[in-house]
Amino acid sequence: MSDQQLTRYASLFTPTAIGEVGLANRIALAPMTRVSATAEGVPTDRIGTYYRVFADEGFGLLVTEGLYIDDQTSQG
């Protein structure tokens, strides 16, 4: 990244808060459906491992995927 780009986006790397929850920076990961829960909708270690990579790489906020509660119509 060039010096000009670093200056332009410097605010992304500054701490912030959402209510009383402090965030190390302003970089967020949007939820992504990975369909890695069990057929009953129970989260697996695979989900934790997947999102842990983003946390370890410095994202300030991770919005995780929703899990389905109706296995007839919502697993897609």
C-alpha atoms as a PDB file:
ATOM      1  CA  MET A   1       0.000   0.000   0.000  1.00  0.00           C
ATOM      2  CA  SER A   2       1.371   3.437  -0.871  1.00  0.00           C
ATOM      3  CA  ASP A   3       1.938   6.177   1.720  1.00  0.00           C
ATOM      4  CA  GLN A   4      -0.982   8.110   0.200  1.00  0.00           C
ATOM      5  CA  GLN A   5      -3.297   5.106   0.611  1.00  0.00           C
ATOM      6  CA  LEU A   6      -2.108   4.528   4.185  1.00  0.00           C
ATOM      7  CA  THR A   7      -2.898   8.139   5.044  1.00  0.00           C
ATOM      8  CA  ARG A   8      -6.265   7.985   3.312  1.00  0.00           C
ATOM      9  CA  TYR A   9      -7.349   4.852   5.173  1.00  0.00           C
ATOM     10  CA  ALA A  10      -5.575   5.448   8.490  1.00  0.00           C
ATOM     11  CA  SER A  11      -8.877   5.870  10.335  1.00  0.00           C
ATOM     12  CA  LEU A  12      -9.727   2.225   9.543  1.00  0.00           C
ATOM     13  CA  PHE A  13      -6.929   1.168  11.857  1.00  0.00           C
ATOM     14  CA  THR A  14      -7.907   3.321  14.838  1.00  0.00           C
ATOM     15  CA  PRO A  15      -9.795   1.915  17.831  1.00  0.00           C
ATOM     16  CA  THR A  16     -13.528   2.546  18.145  1.00  0.00           C
ATOM     17  CA  ALA A  17     -16.499   1.239  20.090  1.00  0.00           C
ATOM     18  CA  ILE A  18     -20.029   0.074  19.445  1.00  0.00           C
ATOM     19  CA  GLY A  19     -21.840   0.997  22.612  1.00  0.00           C
ATOM     20  CA  GLU A  20     -19.691  -0.347  25.426  1.00  0.00           C
ATOM     21  CA  VAL A  21     -17.884  -2.887  23.246  1.00  0.00           C
ATOM     22  CA  GLY A  22     -14.393  -1.726  22.358  1.00  0.00           C
ATOM     23  CA  LEU A  23     -12.921  -2.646  18.964  1.00  0.00           C
ATOM     24  CA  ALA A  24      -9.217  -2.611  18.125  1.00  0.00           C
ATOM     25  CA  ASN A  25      -9.959  -1.136  14.689  1.00  0.00           C
ATOM     26  CA  ARG A  26     -12.812  -0.362  12.318  1.00  0.00           C
ATOM     27  CA  ILE A  27     -12.360  -3.348  10.026  1.00  0.00           C
ATOM     28  CA  ALA A  28     -15.339  -5.721  10.060  1.00  0.00           C
ATOM     29  CA  LEU A  29     -15.985  -9.074   8.461  1.00  0.00           C
ATOM     30  CA  ALA A  30     -19.489  -9.500   7.096  1.00  0.00           C
ATOM     31  CA  PRO A  31     -21.333 -12.753   7.790  1.00  0.00           C
ATOM     32  CA  MET A  32     -20.712 -15.450   5.234  1.00  0.00           C
ATOM     33  CA  THR A  33     -22.739 -18.622   5.026  1.00  0.00           C
ATOM     34  CA  ARG A  34     -20.391 -21.565   5.225  1.00  0.00           C
ATOM     35  CA  VAL A  35     -23.033 -24.233   5.934  1.00  0.00           C
ATOM     36  CA  SER A  36     -20.683 -25.912   8.364  1.00  0.00           C
ATOM     37  CA  ALA A  37     -23.135 -26.748  11.131  1.00  0.00           C
ATOM     38  CA  THR A  38     -24.585 -30.188  11.688  1.00  0.00           C
ATOM     39  CA  ALA A  39     -27.890 -31.173  10.068  1.00  0.00           C
ATOM     40  CA  GLU A  40     -29.527 -30.213  13.364  1.00  0.00           C
ATOM     41  CA  GLY A  41     -28.047 -26.690  13.165  1.00  0.00           C
ATOM     42  CA  VAL A  42     -25.388 -27.158  15.846  1.00  0.00           C
ATOM     43  CA  PRO A  43     -22.155 -25.193  15.277  1.00  0.00           C
ATOM     44  CA  THR A  44     -19.060 -27.300  14.722  1.00  0.00           C
ATOM     45  CA  ASP A  45     -15.367 -26.777  15.427  1.00  0.00           C
ATOM     46  CA  ARG A  46     -15.015 -26.028  11.712  1.00  0.00           C
ATOM     47  CA  ILE A  47     -16.956 -22.771  12.164  1.00  0.00           C
ATOM     48  CA  GLY A  48     -14.719 -21.712  15.050  1.00  0.00           C
ATOM     49  CA  THR A  49     -11.582 -22.514  13.095  1.00  0.00           C
ATOM     50  CA  TYR A  50     -12.836 -20.589  10.055  1.00  0.00           C
ATOM     51  CA  TYR A  51     -13.602 -17.391  11.965  1.00  0.00           C
ATOM     52  CA  ARG A  52     -10.527 -17.685  14.190  1.00  0.00           C
ATOM     53  CA  VAL A  53      -8.356 -17.053  11.119  1.00  0.00           C
ATOM     54  CA  PHE A  54     -10.002 -13.647  10.619  1.00  0.00           C
ATOM     55  CA  ALA A  55      -9.711 -12.781  14.321  1.00  0.00           C
ATOM     56  CA  ASP A  56      -6.034 -13.730  14.331  1.00  0.00           C
ATOM     57  CA  GLU A  57      -5.419 -11.588  11.250  1.00  0.00           C
ATOM     58  CA  GLY A  58      -6.667  -8.484  13.026  1.00  0.00           C
ATOM     59  CA  PHE A  59     -10.294  -7.872  12.085  1.00  0.00           C
ATOM     60  CA  GLY A  60     -11.859  -5.614  14.721  1.00  0.00           C
ATOM     61  CA  LEU A  61     -15.367  -7.060  14.393  1.00  0.00           C
ATOM     62  CA  LEU A  62     -16.575 -10.417  13.132  1.00  0.00           C
ATOM     63  CA  VAL A  63     -20.248 -10.799  12.278  1.00  0.00           C
ATOM     64  CA  THR A  64     -20.729 -14.546  12.139  1.00  0.00           C
ATOM     65  CA  GLU A  65     -23.231 -16.483  10.097  1.00  0.00           C
ATOM     66  CA  GLY A  66     -26.668 -17.303  11.339  1.00  0.00           C
ATOM     67  CA  LEU A  67     -27.562 -20.901  11.928  1.00  0.00           C
ATOM     68  CA  TYR A  68     -30.798 -22.316  10.637  1.00  0.00           C
ATOM     69  CA  ILE A  69     -33.572 -23.318  12.947  1.00  0.00           C
ATOM     70  CA  ASP A  70     -35.938 -24.711  10.324  1.00  0.00           C
ATOM     71  CA  ASP A  71     -34.233 -27.581   8.508  1.00  0.00           C
ATOM     72  CA  GLN A  72     -36.993 -27.828   5.918  1.00  0.00           C
ATOM     73  CA  THR A  73     -36.619 -24.391   4.362  1.00  0.00           C
ATOM     74  CA  SER A  74     -33.563 -22.534   5.598  1.00  0.00           C
ATOM     75  CA  GLN A  75     -30.444 -24.604   4.963  1.00  0.00           C
ATOM     76  CA  GLY A  76     -29.644 -22.940   1.653  1.00  0.00           C
END
